[in-house]
Amino acid sequence: MAVSLKEQIRVIVEPIANEMGLYLVDVEITKMGKSRLVRIYADCDGGIDMNRCETFHRAIVDPLEDVDYDYLEVSSPGDRPLKSEQDFKRMQGREVEVRLYAARDGKKLFGGVLLGRDADVIRITEEESGAEMEFAAKDVSSVKPMFRLDF
């Protein structure tokens, strides 16, 4: 079975990210006209800044020299939905927002502390009531980290 380009890149850069105290969030491959862009999302506890993105970029350029791409970009995941099991484990115990496809009790958006996720259910302690809530994974359109700006 042939390994996809995305997986090939992941195998090369994930150990480098781990050595640098980062975790690989995602690898995205897109076209820009006739050019191929490889975008690598990395993060770390407390968030990743531009300097760490640049340092990581420099560290992976040479190991990726045999990979067929035109442009390489390293980016912070920012305000992106949690996707992988790793994402959910990393965010367990932290505040998230759960967005549903259809309203439940008149609401589509719920905030709270992520208790966990398995294949079928996402559980949070709801922000407003403090009650534990469960959402069928098939009913959830996205789960994102909650960011609060204190002024």
Protein backbone atom coordinates (compact mmCIF):
# COMPACT_ATOMS: atom_id res chain seq x y z
CA MET A 1 0.00 0.00 0.00
CA ALA A 2 1.38 3.39 -1.02
CA VAL A 3 1.89 5.98 1.68
CA SER A 4 0.14 9.29 0.99
CA LEU A 5 2.21 12.45 0.67
CA LYS A 6 0.51 13.82 3.76
CA GLU A 7 1.51 10.76 5.80
CA GLN A 8 5.04 10.82 4.36
CA ILE A 9 5.44 14.42 5.56
CA ARG A 10 3.94 13.59 8.96
CA VAL A 11 6.45 10.76 9.48
CA ILE A 12 9.34 13.12 8.70
CA VAL A 13 8.31 16.19 10.73
CA GLU A 14 6.52 14.74 13.77
CA PRO A 15 9.71 13.49 15.52
CA ILE A 16 11.35 16.88 14.90
CA ALA A 17 8.33 18.66 16.38
CA ASN A 18 8.39 16.39 19.43
CA GLU A 19 12.13 17.04 19.96
CA MET A 20 11.38 20.77 19.94
CA GLY A 21 8.57 20.46 22.51
CA LEU A 22 5.89 20.93 19.86
CA TYR A 23 3.13 18.68 18.68
CA LEU A 24 2.08 18.26 15.11
CA VAL A 25 -1.57 19.23 14.71
CA ASP A 26 -2.15 18.69 11.01
CA VAL A 27 -0.55 18.55 7.58
CA GLU A 28 -2.47 20.19 4.76
CA ILE A 29 -1.60 20.01 1.08
CA THR A 30 -3.28 22.47 -1.27
CA LYS A 31 -2.83 23.83 -4.77
CA MET A 32 -2.06 27.47 -5.50
CA GLY A 33 -2.43 27.69 -9.25
CA LYS A 34 0.09 25.15 -10.54
CA SER A 35 2.08 25.16 -7.30
CA ARG A 36 1.75 22.75 -4.38
CA LEU A 37 1.63 24.28 -0.89
CA VAL A 38 2.41 22.18 2.17
CA ARG A 39 1.05 23.80 5.32
CA ILE A 40 2.05 22.28 8.64
CA TYR A 41 0.14 23.20 11.78
CA ALA A 42 2.10 22.90 15.02
CA ASP A 43 1.34 23.93 18.58
CA CYS A 44 2.62 23.59 22.13
CA ASP A 45 1.28 24.02 25.62
CA GLY A 46 0.65 27.72 26.12
CA GLY A 47 0.47 28.34 22.37
CA ILE A 48 3.09 28.74 19.68
CA ASP A 49 4.50 32.10 18.62
CA MET A 50 6.05 33.30 15.36
CA ASN A 51 9.62 32.68 16.53
CA ARG A 52 8.91 29.01 17.32
CA CYS A 53 7.09 28.60 13.99
CA GLU A 54 10.13 30.02 12.20
CA THR A 55 12.56 27.83 14.16
CA PHE A 56 10.48 24.74 13.39
CA HIS A 57 10.27 25.75 9.71
CA ARG A 58 14.05 25.99 9.51
CA ALA A 59 14.42 22.61 11.24
CA ILE A 60 12.19 20.75 8.75
CA VAL A 61 13.27 22.29 5.43
CA ASP A 62 16.28 20.02 4.89
CA PRO A 63 14.57 16.78 6.01
CA LEU A 64 11.75 17.56 3.53
CA GLU A 65 14.08 18.20 0.57
CA ASP A 66 13.02 14.97 -1.19
CA VAL A 67 9.29 15.74 -0.83
CA ASP A 68 7.57 17.17 -3.92
CA TYR A 69 6.24 20.64 -2.97
CA ASP A 70 6.71 24.21 -4.09
CA TYR A 71 5.96 26.17 -0.90
CA LEU A 72 6.25 25.21 2.76
CA GLU A 73 4.39 27.04 5.49
CA VAL A 74 4.37 26.42 9.25
CA SER A 75 1.39 27.83 11.06
CA SER A 76 -0.29 27.98 14.42
CA PRO A 77 -3.61 26.12 14.49
CA GLY A 78 -5.31 29.15 16.03
CA ASP A 79 -9.07 28.93 16.40
CA ARG A 80 -9.56 25.58 14.74
CA PRO A 81 -11.85 22.71 15.60
CA LEU A 82 -10.50 19.76 17.54
CA LYS A 83 -10.18 16.83 15.14
CA SER A 84 -7.96 14.05 16.34
CA GLU A 85 -7.98 11.90 19.43
CA GLN A 86 -4.75 13.69 20.39
CA ASP A 87 -6.51 17.06 20.17
CA PHE A 88 -9.27 15.91 22.52
CA LYS A 89 -6.81 14.39 25.00
CA ARG A 90 -4.74 17.56 25.01
CA MET A 91 -7.80 19.74 25.63
CA GLN A 92 -9.32 17.53 28.34
CA GLY A 93 -9.89 19.60 31.47
CA ARG A 94 -9.86 22.87 29.51
CA GLU A 95 -12.68 25.07 28.29
CA VAL A 96 -14.21 24.34 24.91
CA GLU A 97 -17.25 25.36 22.94
CA VAL A 98 -19.44 22.67 21.42
CA ARG A 99 -21.46 23.68 18.36
CA LEU A 100 -24.37 21.48 17.28
CA TYR A 101 -25.94 21.01 13.85
CA ALA A 102 -29.45 21.36 15.31
CA ALA A 103 -30.62 23.23 18.42
CA ARG A 104 -30.93 21.40 21.72
CA ASP A 105 -33.07 23.09 24.34
CA GLY A 106 -33.15 26.13 22.05
CA LYS A 107 -29.34 26.40 21.80
CA LYS A 108 -26.74 25.33 19.27
CA LEU A 109 -23.69 26.51 21.22
CA PHE A 110 -22.58 25.16 24.60
CA GLY A 111 -19.49 26.07 26.58
CA GLY A 112 -17.77 24.17 29.33
CA VAL A 113 -14.87 22.06 30.47
CA LEU A 114 -14.10 19.09 28.25
CA LEU A 115 -14.39 15.86 30.23
CA GLY A 116 -13.62 13.55 27.34
CA ARG A 117 -14.60 12.03 24.04
CA ASP A 118 -15.02 8.54 22.76
CA ALA A 119 -16.11 7.44 19.30
CA ASP A 120 -19.78 8.26 19.93
CA VAL A 121 -19.99 10.84 22.73
CA ILE A 122 -18.44 14.17 23.74
CA ARG A 123 -18.80 15.11 27.41
CA ILE A 124 -18.44 18.52 29.07
CA THR A 125 -19.26 20.16 32.37
CA GLU A 126 -21.50 22.95 31.15
CA GLU A 127 -20.38 26.48 31.92
CA GLU A 128 -23.76 27.97 32.92
CA SER A 129 -25.25 25.19 35.02
CA GLY A 130 -22.20 23.18 36.07
CA ALA A 131 -24.07 20.07 34.93
CA GLU A 132 -22.36 17.26 33.05
CA MET A 133 -23.63 17.13 29.48
CA GLU A 134 -23.23 14.53 26.74
CA PHE A 135 -23.49 15.14 23.02
CA ALA A 136 -23.70 12.42 20.40
CA ALA A 137 -20.67 12.94 18.15
CA LYS A 138 -22.91 12.74 15.06
CA ASP A 139 -24.86 15.79 16.34
CA VAL A 140 -21.75 17.95 16.87
CA SER A 141 -20.59 20.20 14.05
CA SER A 142 -17.43 21.35 15.87
CA VAL A 143 -15.59 21.49 19.18
CA LYS A 144 -13.13 24.36 19.57
CA PRO A 145 -10.93 25.66 22.38
CA MET A 146 -12.57 28.56 24.17
CA PHE A 147 -10.52 31.72 24.32
CA ARG A 148 -11.35 34.48 26.75
CA LEU A 149 -10.08 37.99 26.37
CA ASP A 150 -9.83 39.75 29.70
CA PHE A 151 -9.79 43.53 29.55
